[in-house]
Amino acid sequence: MNAPHATNALTKATGFGLLVLLLMVTPAWS
């Protein structure tokens, strides 16, 4: 099932020293 994506985006550091980009939308670079 290809569900539609939500409309918000969040960029966060996990607090464990690794940068993770958790994206609810699909920007051009992705």
mmCIF file of all heavy atoms, coordinates in Angstrom:
data_MODEL
# 
_entry.id   MODEL 
# 
loop_
_atom_site.group_PDB 
_atom_site.id 
_atom_site.type_symbol 
_atom_site.label_atom_id 
_atom_site.label_alt_id 
_atom_site.label_comp_id 
_atom_site.label_asym_id 
_atom_site.label_entity_id 
_atom_site.label_seq_id 
_atom_site.pdbx_PDB_ins_code 
_atom_site.Cartn_x 
_atom_site.Cartn_y 
_atom_site.Cartn_z 
_atom_site.occupancy 
_atom_site.B_iso_or_equiv 
_atom_site.pdbx_formal_charge 
_atom_site.auth_seq_id 
_atom_site.auth_comp_id 
_atom_site.auth_asym_id 
_atom_site.auth_atom_id 
_atom_site.pdbx_PDB_model_num 
ATOM 1   N N   . MET A 1 1  ? 0.851  -1.185 0.000  1.00 0.00 ? 1  MET A N   1 
ATOM 2   C CA  . MET A 1 1  ? 0.000  0.000  0.000  1.00 0.00 ? 1  MET A CA  1 
ATOM 3   C C   . MET A 1 1  ? 0.883  1.228  0.000  1.00 0.00 ? 1  MET A C   1 
ATOM 4   O O   . MET A 1 1  ? 1.702  1.409  0.895  1.00 0.00 ? 1  MET A O   1 
ATOM 5   C CB  . MET A 1 1  ? -0.892 -0.004 1.255  1.00 0.00 ? 1  MET A CB  1 
ATOM 6   C CG  . MET A 1 1  ? -1.745 1.257  1.389  1.00 0.00 ? 1  MET A CG  1 
ATOM 7   S SD  . MET A 1 1  ? -2.750 1.207  2.893  1.00 0.00 ? 1  MET A SD  1 
ATOM 8   C CE  . MET A 1 1  ? -3.847 -0.141 2.492  1.00 0.00 ? 1  MET A CE  1 
ATOM 9   N N   . ASN A 1 2  ? 0.767  2.031  -0.986 1.00 0.00 ? 2  ASN A N   1 
ATOM 10  C CA  . ASN A 1 2  ? 1.543  3.257  -1.065 1.00 0.00 ? 2  ASN A CA  1 
ATOM 11  C C   . ASN A 1 2  ? 0.742  4.388  -0.448 1.00 0.00 ? 2  ASN A C   1 
ATOM 12  O O   . ASN A 1 2  ? -0.012 5.081  -1.117 1.00 0.00 ? 2  ASN A O   1 
ATOM 13  C CB  . ASN A 1 2  ? 1.906  3.579  -2.515 1.00 0.00 ? 2  ASN A CB  1 
ATOM 14  C CG  . ASN A 1 2  ? 2.855  2.550  -3.070 1.00 0.00 ? 2  ASN A CG  1 
ATOM 15  O OD1 . ASN A 1 2  ? 3.776  2.129  -2.374 1.00 0.00 ? 2  ASN A OD1 1 
ATOM 16  N ND2 . ASN A 1 2  ? 2.635  2.126  -4.296 1.00 0.00 ? 2  ASN A ND2 1 
ATOM 17  N N   . ALA A 1 3  ? 0.866  4.533  0.876  1.00 0.00 ? 3  ALA A N   1 
ATOM 18  C CA  . ALA A 1 3  ? 0.089  5.531  1.597  1.00 0.00 ? 3  ALA A CA  1 
ATOM 19  C C   . ALA A 1 3  ? 0.607  6.921  1.299  1.00 0.00 ? 3  ALA A C   1 
ATOM 20  O O   . ALA A 1 3  ? 1.800  7.125  1.096  1.00 0.00 ? 3  ALA A O   1 
ATOM 21  C CB  . ALA A 1 3  ? 0.179  5.261  3.108  1.00 0.00 ? 3  ALA A CB  1 
ATOM 22  N N   . PRO A 1 4  ? -0.289 7.928  1.277  1.00 0.00 ? 4  PRO A N   1 
ATOM 23  C CA  . PRO A 1 4  ? 0.167  9.311  1.081  1.00 0.00 ? 4  PRO A CA  1 
ATOM 24  C C   . PRO A 1 4  ? 0.987  9.758  2.259  1.00 0.00 ? 4  PRO A C   1 
ATOM 25  O O   . PRO A 1 4  ? 0.752  9.339  3.392  1.00 0.00 ? 4  PRO A O   1 
ATOM 26  C CB  . PRO A 1 4  ? -1.144 10.093 0.987  1.00 0.00 ? 4  PRO A CB  1 
ATOM 27  C CG  . PRO A 1 4  ? -2.157 9.238  1.679  1.00 0.00 ? 4  PRO A CG  1 
ATOM 28  C CD  . PRO A 1 4  ? -1.742 7.824  1.430  1.00 0.00 ? 4  PRO A CD  1 
ATOM 29  N N   . HIS A 1 5  ? 1.962  10.632 2.024  1.00 0.00 ? 5  HIS A N   1 
ATOM 30  C CA  . HIS A 1 5  ? 2.823  11.107 3.083  1.00 0.00 ? 5  HIS A CA  1 
ATOM 31  C C   . HIS A 1 5  ? 2.162  12.268 3.805  1.00 0.00 ? 5  HIS A C   1 
ATOM 32  O O   . HIS A 1 5  ? 1.376  13.010 3.248  1.00 0.00 ? 5  HIS A O   1 
ATOM 33  C CB  . HIS A 1 5  ? 4.173  11.565 2.518  1.00 0.00 ? 5  HIS A CB  1 
ATOM 34  C CG  . HIS A 1 5  ? 4.912  10.463 1.839  1.00 0.00 ? 5  HIS A CG  1 
ATOM 35  N ND1 . HIS A 1 5  ? 6.159  10.625 1.308  1.00 0.00 ? 5  HIS A ND1 1 
ATOM 36  C CD2 . HIS A 1 5  ? 4.590  9.160  1.603  1.00 0.00 ? 5  HIS A CD2 1 
ATOM 37  C CE1 . HIS A 1 5  ? 6.571  9.493  0.761  1.00 0.00 ? 5  HIS A CE1 1 
ATOM 38  N NE2 . HIS A 1 5  ? 5.629  8.606  0.939  1.00 0.00 ? 5  HIS A NE2 1 
ATOM 39  N N   . ALA A 1 6  ? 2.498  12.423 5.084  1.00 0.00 ? 6  ALA A N   1 
ATOM 40  C CA  . ALA A 1 6  ? 2.003  13.557 5.842  1.00 0.00 ? 6  ALA A CA  1 
ATOM 41  C C   . ALA A 1 6  ? 2.694  14.830 5.367  1.00 0.00 ? 6  ALA A C   1 
ATOM 42  O O   . ALA A 1 6  ? 3.634  14.785 4.568  1.00 0.00 ? 6  ALA A O   1 
ATOM 43  C CB  . ALA A 1 6  ? 2.253  13.333 7.336  1.00 0.00 ? 6  ALA A CB  1 
ATOM 44  N N   . THR A 1 7  ? 2.273  15.963 5.890  1.00 0.00 ? 7  THR A N   1 
ATOM 45  C CA  . THR A 1 7  ? 2.700  17.228 5.308  1.00 0.00 ? 7  THR A CA  1 
ATOM 46  C C   . THR A 1 7  ? 3.741  17.969 6.125  1.00 0.00 ? 7  THR A C   1 
ATOM 47  O O   . THR A 1 7  ? 4.117  19.075 5.784  1.00 0.00 ? 7  THR A O   1 
ATOM 48  C CB  . THR A 1 7  ? 1.480  18.147 5.143  1.00 0.00 ? 7  THR A CB  1 
ATOM 49  O OG1 . THR A 1 7  ? 0.847  18.323 6.416  1.00 0.00 ? 7  THR A OG1 1 
ATOM 50  C CG2 . THR A 1 7  ? 0.503  17.562 4.150  1.00 0.00 ? 7  THR A CG2 1 
ATOM 51  N N   . ASN A 1 8  ? 4.208  17.403 7.234  1.00 0.00 ? 8  ASN A N   1 
ATOM 52  C CA  . ASN A 1 8  ? 5.181  18.085 8.055  1.00 0.00 ? 8  ASN A CA  1 
ATOM 53  C C   . ASN A 1 8  ? 6.541  17.432 7.922  1.00 0.00 ? 8  ASN A C   1 
ATOM 54  O O   . ASN A 1 8  ? 6.652  16.266 7.594  1.00 0.00 ? 8  ASN A O   1 
ATOM 55  C CB  . ASN A 1 8  ? 4.765  18.059 9.535  1.00 0.00 ? 8  ASN A CB  1 
ATOM 56  C CG  . ASN A 1 8  ? 3.512  18.867 9.768  1.00 0.00 ? 8  ASN A CG  1 
ATOM 57  O OD1 . ASN A 1 8  ? 3.322  19.896 9.132  1.00 0.00 ? 8  ASN A OD1 1 
ATOM 58  N ND2 . ASN A 1 8  ? 2.643  18.409 10.648 1.00 0.00 ? 8  ASN A ND2 1 
ATOM 59  N N   . ALA A 1 9  ? 7.606  18.219 8.201  1.00 0.00 ? 9  ALA A N   1 
ATOM 60  C CA  . ALA A 1 9  ? 8.959  17.676 8.154  1.00 0.00 ? 9  ALA A CA  1 
ATOM 61  C C   . ALA A 1 9  ? 9.655  17.989 9.462  1.00 0.00 ? 9  ALA A C   1 
ATOM 62  O O   . ALA A 1 9  ? 9.432  19.025 10.072 1.00 0.00 ? 9  ALA A O   1 
ATOM 63  C CB  . ALA A 1 9  ? 9.741  18.285 6.990  1.00 0.00 ? 9  ALA A CB  1 
ATOM 64  N N   . LEU A 1 10 ? 10.491 17.071 9.898  1.00 0.00 ? 10 LEU A N   1 
ATOM 65  C CA  . LEU A 1 10 ? 11.240 17.261 11.123 1.00 0.00 ? 10 LEU A CA  1 
ATOM 66  C C   . LEU A 1 10 ? 12.674 16.860 10.875 1.00 0.00 ? 10 LEU A C   1 
ATOM 67  O O   . LEU A 1 10 ? 12.934 15.768 10.395 1.00 0.00 ? 10 LEU A O   1 
ATOM 68  C CB  . LEU A 1 10 ? 10.655 16.397 12.249 1.00 0.00 ? 10 LEU A CB  1 
ATOM 69  C CG  . LEU A 1 10 ? 11.461 16.329 13.551 1.00 0.00 ? 10 LEU A CG  1 
ATOM 70  C CD1 . LEU A 1 10 ? 11.417 17.689 14.248 1.00 0.00 ? 10 LEU A CD1 1 
ATOM 71  C CD2 . LEU A 1 10 ? 10.912 15.262 14.465 1.00 0.00 ? 10 LEU A CD2 1 
ATOM 72  N N   . THR A 1 11 ? 13.616 17.739 11.188 1.00 0.00 ? 11 THR A N   1 
ATOM 73  C CA  . THR A 1 11 ? 15.027 17.405 11.141 1.00 0.00 ? 11 THR A CA  1 
ATOM 74  C C   . THR A 1 11 ? 15.531 17.437 12.566 1.00 0.00 ? 11 THR A C   1 
ATOM 75  O O   . THR A 1 11 ? 15.355 18.418 13.256 1.00 0.00 ? 11 THR A O   1 
ATOM 76  C CB  . THR A 1 11 ? 15.823 18.416 10.304 1.00 0.00 ? 11 THR A CB  1 
ATOM 77  O OG1 . THR A 1 11 ? 15.288 18.432 8.986  1.00 0.00 ? 11 THR A OG1 1 
ATOM 78  C CG2 . THR A 1 11 ? 17.284 18.024 10.238 1.00 0.00 ? 11 THR A CG2 1 
ATOM 79  N N   . LYS A 1 12 ? 16.146 16.364 13.028 1.00 0.00 ? 12 LYS A N   1 
ATOM 80  C CA  . LYS A 1 12 ? 16.531 16.322 14.427 1.00 0.00 ? 12 LYS A CA  1 
ATOM 81  C C   . LYS A 1 12 ? 17.838 15.584 14.608 1.00 0.00 ? 12 LYS A C   1 
ATOM 82  O O   . LYS A 1 12 ? 18.208 14.714 13.826 1.00 0.00 ? 12 LYS A O   1 
ATOM 83  C CB  . LYS A 1 12 ? 15.452 15.628 15.262 1.00 0.00 ? 12 LYS A CB  1 
ATOM 84  C CG  . LYS A 1 12 ? 15.314 14.143 14.938 1.00 0.00 ? 12 LYS A CG  1 
ATOM 85  C CD  . LYS A 1 12 ? 14.315 13.455 15.830 1.00 0.00 ? 12 LYS A CD  1 
ATOM 86  C CE  . LYS A 1 12 ? 14.315 11.969 15.503 1.00 0.00 ? 12 LYS A CE  1 
ATOM 87  N NZ  . LYS A 1 12 ? 13.415 11.155 16.225 1.00 0.00 ? 12 LYS A NZ  1 
ATOM 88  N N   . ALA A 1 13 ? 18.551 15.939 15.673 1.00 0.00 ? 13 ALA A N   1 
ATOM 89  C CA  . ALA A 1 13 ? 19.678 15.142 16.142 1.00 0.00 ? 13 ALA A CA  1 
ATOM 90  C C   . ALA A 1 13 ? 19.147 14.175 17.173 1.00 0.00 ? 13 ALA A C   1 
ATOM 91  O O   . ALA A 1 13 ? 18.344 14.531 18.019 1.00 0.00 ? 13 ALA A O   1 
ATOM 92  C CB  . ALA A 1 13 ? 20.740 16.043 16.759 1.00 0.00 ? 13 ALA A CB  1 
ATOM 93  N N   . THR A 1 14 ? 19.570 12.930 17.109 1.00 0.00 ? 14 THR A N   1 
ATOM 94  C CA  . THR A 1 14 ? 19.031 11.932 18.012 1.00 0.00 ? 14 THR A CA  1 
ATOM 95  C C   . THR A 1 14 ? 19.519 12.095 19.428 1.00 0.00 ? 14 THR A C   1 
ATOM 96  O O   . THR A 1 14 ? 18.966 11.530 20.346 1.00 0.00 ? 14 THR A O   1 
ATOM 97  C CB  . THR A 1 14 ? 19.438 10.524 17.535 1.00 0.00 ? 14 THR A CB  1 
ATOM 98  O OG1 . THR A 1 14 ? 20.860 10.409 17.604 1.00 0.00 ? 14 THR A OG1 1 
ATOM 99  C CG2 . THR A 1 14 ? 18.958 10.273 16.130 1.00 0.00 ? 14 THR A CG2 1 
ATOM 100 N N   . GLY A 1 15 ? 20.592 12.834 19.645 1.00 0.00 ? 15 GLY A N   1 
ATOM 101 C CA  . GLY A 1 15 ? 21.167 12.910 20.968 1.00 0.00 ? 15 GLY A CA  1 
ATOM 102 C C   . GLY A 1 15 ? 22.215 11.842 21.196 1.00 0.00 ? 15 GLY A C   1 
ATOM 103 O O   . GLY A 1 15 ? 22.815 11.756 22.257 1.00 0.00 ? 15 GLY A O   1 
ATOM 104 N N   . PHE A 1 16 ? 22.457 11.001 20.214 1.00 0.00 ? 16 PHE A N   1 
ATOM 105 C CA  . PHE A 1 16 ? 23.452 9.952  20.321 1.00 0.00 ? 16 PHE A CA  1 
ATOM 106 C C   . PHE A 1 16 ? 24.644 10.225 19.408 1.00 0.00 ? 16 PHE A C   1 
ATOM 107 O O   . PHE A 1 16 ? 25.436 9.335  19.124 1.00 0.00 ? 16 PHE A O   1 
ATOM 108 C CB  . PHE A 1 16 ? 22.843 8.594  19.958 1.00 0.00 ? 16 PHE A CB  1 
ATOM 109 C CG  . PHE A 1 16 ? 21.737 8.180  20.882 1.00 0.00 ? 16 PHE A CG  1 
ATOM 110 C CD1 . PHE A 1 16 ? 20.430 8.556  20.644 1.00 0.00 ? 16 PHE A CD1 1 
ATOM 111 C CD2 . PHE A 1 16 ? 22.012 7.428  22.018 1.00 0.00 ? 16 PHE A CD2 1 
ATOM 112 C CE1 . PHE A 1 16 ? 19.413 8.169  21.499 1.00 0.00 ? 16 PHE A CE1 1 
ATOM 113 C CE2 . PHE A 1 16 ? 20.992 7.040  22.871 1.00 0.00 ? 16 PHE A CE2 1 
ATOM 114 C CZ  . PHE A 1 16 ? 19.695 7.413  22.608 1.00 0.00 ? 16 PHE A CZ  1 
ATOM 115 N N   . GLY A 1 17 ? 24.766 11.456 18.911 1.00 0.00 ? 17 GLY A N   1 
ATOM 116 C CA  . GLY A 1 17 ? 25.921 11.822 18.110 1.00 0.00 ? 17 GLY A CA  1 
ATOM 117 C C   . GLY A 1 17 ? 25.760 11.552 16.633 1.00 0.00 ? 17 GLY A C   1 
ATOM 118 O O   . GLY A 1 17 ? 26.684 11.735 15.869 1.00 0.00 ? 17 GLY A O   1 
ATOM 119 N N   . LEU A 1 18 ? 24.591 11.096 16.208 1.00 0.00 ? 18 LEU A N   1 
ATOM 120 C CA  . LEU A 1 18 ? 24.356 10.799 14.801 1.00 0.00 ? 18 LEU A CA  1 
ATOM 121 C C   . LEU A 1 18 ? 23.246 11.695 14.289 1.00 0.00 ? 18 LEU A C   1 
ATOM 122 O O   . LEU A 1 18 ? 22.168 11.759 14.875 1.00 0.00 ? 18 LEU A O   1 
ATOM 123 C CB  . LEU A 1 18 ? 23.958 9.335  14.624 1.00 0.00 ? 18 LEU A CB  1 
ATOM 124 C CG  . LEU A 1 18 ? 23.509 8.920  13.225 1.00 0.00 ? 18 LEU A CG  1 
ATOM 125 C CD1 . LEU A 1 18 ? 24.680 9.021  12.253 1.00 0.00 ? 18 LEU A CD1 1 
ATOM 126 C CD2 . LEU A 1 18 ? 22.965 7.512  13.222 1.00 0.00 ? 18 LEU A CD2 1 
ATOM 127 N N   . LEU A 1 19 ? 23.512 12.379 13.188 1.00 0.00 ? 19 LEU A N   1 
ATOM 128 C CA  . LEU A 1 19 ? 22.486 13.213 12.577 1.00 0.00 ? 19 LEU A CA  1 
ATOM 129 C C   . LEU A 1 19 ? 21.581 12.336 11.726 1.00 0.00 ? 19 LEU A C   1 
ATOM 130 O O   . LEU A 1 19 ? 22.040 11.640 10.831 1.00 0.00 ? 19 LEU A O   1 
ATOM 131 C CB  . LEU A 1 19 ? 23.124 14.292 11.704 1.00 0.00 ? 19 LEU A CB  1 
ATOM 132 C CG  . LEU A 1 19 ? 22.147 15.184 10.941 1.00 0.00 ? 19 LEU A CG  1 
ATOM 133 C CD1 . LEU A 1 19 ? 21.322 16.011 11.910 1.00 0.00 ? 19 LEU A CD1 1 
ATOM 134 C CD2 . LEU A 1 19 ? 22.887 16.081 9.968  1.00 0.00 ? 19 LEU A CD2 1 
ATOM 135 N N   . VAL A 1 20 ? 20.322 12.347 12.017 1.00 0.00 ? 20 VAL A N   1 
ATOM 136 C CA  . VAL A 1 20 ? 19.333 11.598 11.251 1.00 0.00 ? 20 VAL A CA  1 
ATOM 137 C C   . VAL A 1 20 ? 18.291 12.582 10.770 1.00 0.00 ? 20 VAL A C   1 
ATOM 138 O O   . VAL A 1 20 ? 17.782 13.381 11.548 1.00 0.00 ? 20 VAL A O   1 
ATOM 139 C CB  . VAL A 1 20 ? 18.657 10.510 12.109 1.00 0.00 ? 20 VAL A CB  1 
ATOM 140 C CG1 . VAL A 1 20 ? 17.588 9.785  11.290 1.00 0.00 ? 20 VAL A CG1 1 
ATOM 141 C CG2 . VAL A 1 20 ? 19.677 9.512  12.615 1.00 0.00 ? 20 VAL A CG2 1 
ATOM 142 N N   . LEU A 1 21 ? 17.954 12.514 9.493  1.00 0.00 ? 21 LEU A N   1 
ATOM 143 C CA  . LEU A 1 21 ? 16.896 13.338 8.941  1.00 0.00 ? 21 LEU A CA  1 
ATOM 144 C C   . LEU A 1 21 ? 15.649 12.469 8.839  1.00 0.00 ? 21 LEU A C   1 
ATOM 145 O O   . LEU A 1 21 ? 15.617 11.505 8.086  1.00 0.00 ? 21 LEU A O   1 
ATOM 146 C CB  . LEU A 1 21 ? 17.289 13.865 7.563  1.00 0.00 ? 21 LEU A CB  1 
ATOM 147 C CG  . LEU A 1 21 ? 18.639 14.586 7.490  1.00 0.00 ? 21 LEU A CG  1 
ATOM 148 C CD1 . LEU A 1 21 ? 18.895 15.051 6.069  1.00 0.00 ? 21 LEU A CD1 1 
ATOM 149 C CD2 . LEU A 1 21 ? 18.686 15.767 8.444  1.00 0.00 ? 21 LEU A CD2 1 
ATOM 150 N N   . LEU A 1 22 ? 14.646 12.781 9.639  1.00 0.00 ? 22 LEU A N   1 
ATOM 151 C CA  . LEU A 1 22 ? 13.389 12.041 9.638  1.00 0.00 ? 22 LEU A CA  1 
ATOM 152 C C   . LEU A 1 22 ? 12.381 12.891 8.910  1.00 0.00 ? 22 LEU A C   1 
ATOM 153 O O   . LEU A 1 22 ? 11.954 13.922 9.408  1.00 0.00 ? 22 LEU A O   1 
ATOM 154 C CB  . LEU A 1 22 ? 12.935 11.774 11.073 1.00 0.00 ? 22 LEU A CB  1 
ATOM 155 C CG  . LEU A 1 22 ? 11.541 11.183 11.293 1.00 0.00 ? 22 LEU A CG  1 
ATOM 156 C CD1 . LEU A 1 22 ? 11.398 9.881  10.533 1.00 0.00 ? 22 LEU A CD1 1 
ATOM 157 C CD2 . LEU A 1 22 ? 11.271 11.002 12.760 1.00 0.00 ? 22 LEU A CD2 1 
ATOM 158 N N   . LEU A 1 23 ? 11.967 12.462 7.712  1.00 0.00 ? 23 LEU A N   1 
ATOM 159 C CA  . LEU A 1 23 ? 11.198 13.318 6.814  1.00 0.00 ? 23 LEU A CA  1 
ATOM 160 C C   . LEU A 1 23 ? 9.819  12.738 6.562  1.00 0.00 ? 23 LEU A C   1 
ATOM 161 O O   . LEU A 1 23 ? 9.688  11.585 6.173  1.00 0.00 ? 23 LEU A O   1 
ATOM 162 C CB  . LEU A 1 23 ? 11.945 13.463 5.493  1.00 0.00 ? 23 LEU A CB  1 
ATOM 163 C CG  . LEU A 1 23 ? 13.349 14.080 5.633  1.00 0.00 ? 23 LEU A CG  1 
ATOM 164 C CD1 . LEU A 1 23 ? 14.144 13.788 4.387  1.00 0.00 ? 23 LEU A CD1 1 
ATOM 165 C CD2 . LEU A 1 23 ? 13.250 15.561 5.868  1.00 0.00 ? 23 LEU A CD2 1 
ATOM 166 N N   . MET A 1 24 ? 8.797  13.577 6.752  1.00 0.00 ? 24 MET A N   1 
ATOM 167 C CA  . MET A 1 24 ? 7.438  13.173 6.444  1.00 0.00 ? 24 MET A CA  1 
ATOM 168 C C   . MET A 1 24 ? 7.008  13.679 5.073  1.00 0.00 ? 24 MET A C   1 
ATOM 169 O O   . MET A 1 24 ? 5.914  13.416 4.628  1.00 0.00 ? 24 MET A O   1 
ATOM 170 C CB  . MET A 1 24 ? 6.472  13.714 7.497  1.00 0.00 ? 24 MET A CB  1 
ATOM 171 C CG  . MET A 1 24 ? 6.812  13.280 8.913  1.00 0.00 ? 24 MET A CG  1 
ATOM 172 S SD  . MET A 1 24 ? 7.117  11.539 9.048  1.00 0.00 ? 24 MET A SD  1 
ATOM 173 C CE  . MET A 1 24 ? 8.629  11.617 9.971  1.00 0.00 ? 24 MET A CE  1 
ATOM 174 N N   . VAL A 1 25 ? 7.865  14.479 4.441  1.00 0.00 ? 25 VAL A N   1 
ATOM 175 C CA  . VAL A 1 25 ? 7.627  14.900 3.071  1.00 0.00 ? 25 VAL A CA  1 
ATOM 176 C C   . VAL A 1 25 ? 8.840  14.500 2.250  1.00 0.00 ? 25 VAL A C   1 
ATOM 177 O O   . VAL A 1 25 ? 9.820  14.030 2.772  1.00 0.00 ? 25 VAL A O   1 
ATOM 178 C CB  . VAL A 1 25 ? 7.415  16.428 2.976  1.00 0.00 ? 25 VAL A CB  1 
ATOM 179 C CG1 . VAL A 1 25 ? 6.161  16.837 3.705  1.00 0.00 ? 25 VAL A CG1 1 
ATOM 180 C CG2 . VAL A 1 25 ? 8.611  17.189 3.493  1.00 0.00 ? 25 VAL A CG2 1 
ATOM 181 N N   . THR A 1 26 ? 8.776  14.708 0.970  1.00 0.00 ? 26 THR A N   1 
ATOM 182 C CA  . THR A 1 26 ? 9.859  14.297 0.097  1.00 0.00 ? 26 THR A CA  1 
ATOM 183 C C   . THR A 1 26 ? 10.406 15.503 -0.640 1.00 0.00 ? 26 THR A C   1 
ATOM 184 O O   . THR A 1 26 ? 9.928  15.854 -1.711 1.00 0.00 ? 26 THR A O   1 
ATOM 185 C CB  . THR A 1 26 ? 9.356  13.248 -0.923 1.00 0.00 ? 26 THR A CB  1 
ATOM 186 O OG1 . THR A 1 26 ? 8.710  12.203 -0.199 1.00 0.00 ? 26 THR A OG1 1 
ATOM 187 C CG2 . THR A 1 26 ? 10.501 12.668 -1.721 1.00 0.00 ? 26 THR A CG2 1 
ATOM 188 N N   . PRO A 1 27 ? 11.411 16.183 -0.074 1.00 0.00 ? 27 PRO A N   1 
ATOM 189 C CA  . PRO A 1 27 ? 11.996 17.332 -0.756 1.00 0.00 ? 27 PRO A CA  1 
ATOM 190 C C   . PRO A 1 27 ? 12.774 16.901 -1.982 1.00 0.00 ? 27 PRO A C   1 
ATOM 191 O O   . PRO A 1 27 ? 13.053 15.726 -2.178 1.00 0.00 ? 27 PRO A O   1 
ATOM 192 C CB  . PRO A 1 27 ? 12.934 17.919 0.307  1.00 0.00 ? 27 PRO A CB  1 
ATOM 193 C CG  . PRO A 1 27 ? 13.254 16.770 1.197  1.00 0.00 ? 27 PRO A CG  1 
ATOM 194 C CD  . PRO A 1 27 ? 12.047 15.880 1.198  1.00 0.00 ? 27 PRO A CD  1 
ATOM 195 N N   . ALA A 1 28 ? 13.160 17.883 -2.799 1.00 0.00 ? 28 ALA A N   1 
ATOM 196 C CA  . ALA A 1 28 ? 13.782 17.569 -4.081 1.00 0.00 ? 28 ALA A CA  1 
ATOM 197 C C   . ALA A 1 28 ? 15.054 16.759 -3.930 1.00 0.00 ? 28 ALA A C   1 
ATOM 198 O O   . ALA A 1 28 ? 15.292 15.812 -4.676 1.00 0.00 ? 28 ALA A O   1 
ATOM 199 C CB  . ALA A 1 28 ? 14.069 18.864 -4.837 1.00 0.00 ? 28 ALA A CB  1 
ATOM 200 N N   . TRP A 1 29 ? 15.884 17.100 -2.926 1.00 0.00 ? 29 TRP A N   1 
ATOM 201 C CA  . TRP A 1 29 ? 17.156 16.396 -2.826 1.00 0.00 ? 29 TRP A CA  1 
ATOM 202 C C   . TRP A 1 29 ? 16.982 14.929 -2.503 1.00 0.00 ? 29 TRP A C   1 
ATOM 203 O O   . TRP A 1 29 ? 17.790 14.095 -2.895 1.00 0.00 ? 29 TRP A O   1 
ATOM 204 C CB  . TRP A 1 29 ? 18.064 17.061 -1.785 1.00 0.00 ? 29 TRP A CB  1 
ATOM 205 C CG  . TRP A 1 29 ? 17.577 16.988 -0.371 1.00 0.00 ? 29 TRP A CG  1 
ATOM 206 C CD1 . TRP A 1 29 ? 16.960 17.976 0.326  1.00 0.00 ? 29 TRP A CD1 1 
ATOM 207 C CD2 . TRP A 1 29 ? 17.653 15.874 0.521  1.00 0.00 ? 29 TRP A CD2 1 
ATOM 208 N NE1 . TRP A 1 29 ? 16.638 17.562 1.601  1.00 0.00 ? 29 TRP A NE1 1 
ATOM 209 C CE2 . TRP A 1 29 ? 17.067 16.279 1.746  1.00 0.00 ? 29 TRP A CE2 1 
ATOM 210 C CE3 . TRP A 1 29 ? 18.157 14.586 0.411  1.00 0.00 ? 29 TRP A CE3 1 
ATOM 211 C CZ2 . TRP A 1 29 ? 16.960 15.434 2.851  1.00 0.00 ? 29 TRP A CZ2 1 
ATOM 212 C CZ3 . TRP A 1 29 ? 18.061 13.737 1.513  1.00 0.00 ? 29 TRP A CZ3 1 
ATOM 213 C CH2 . TRP A 1 29 ? 17.468 14.156 2.705  1.00 0.00 ? 29 TRP A CH2 1 
ATOM 214 N N   . SER A 1 30 ? 15.900 14.577 -1.768 1.00 0.00 ? 30 SER A N   1 
ATOM 215 C CA  . SER A 1 30 ? 15.744 13.189 -1.343 1.00 0.00 ? 30 SER A CA  1 
ATOM 216 C C   . SER A 1 30 ? 15.411 12.273 -2.509 1.00 0.00 ? 30 SER A C   1 
ATOM 217 O O   . SER A 1 30 ? 15.540 11.058 -2.408 1.00 0.00 ? 30 SER A O   1 
ATOM 218 C CB  . SER A 1 30 ? 14.674 13.073 -0.269 1.00 0.00 ? 30 SER A CB  1 
ATOM 219 O OG  . SER A 1 30 ? 13.397 13.290 -0.809 1.00 0.00 ? 30 SER A OG  1 
# 
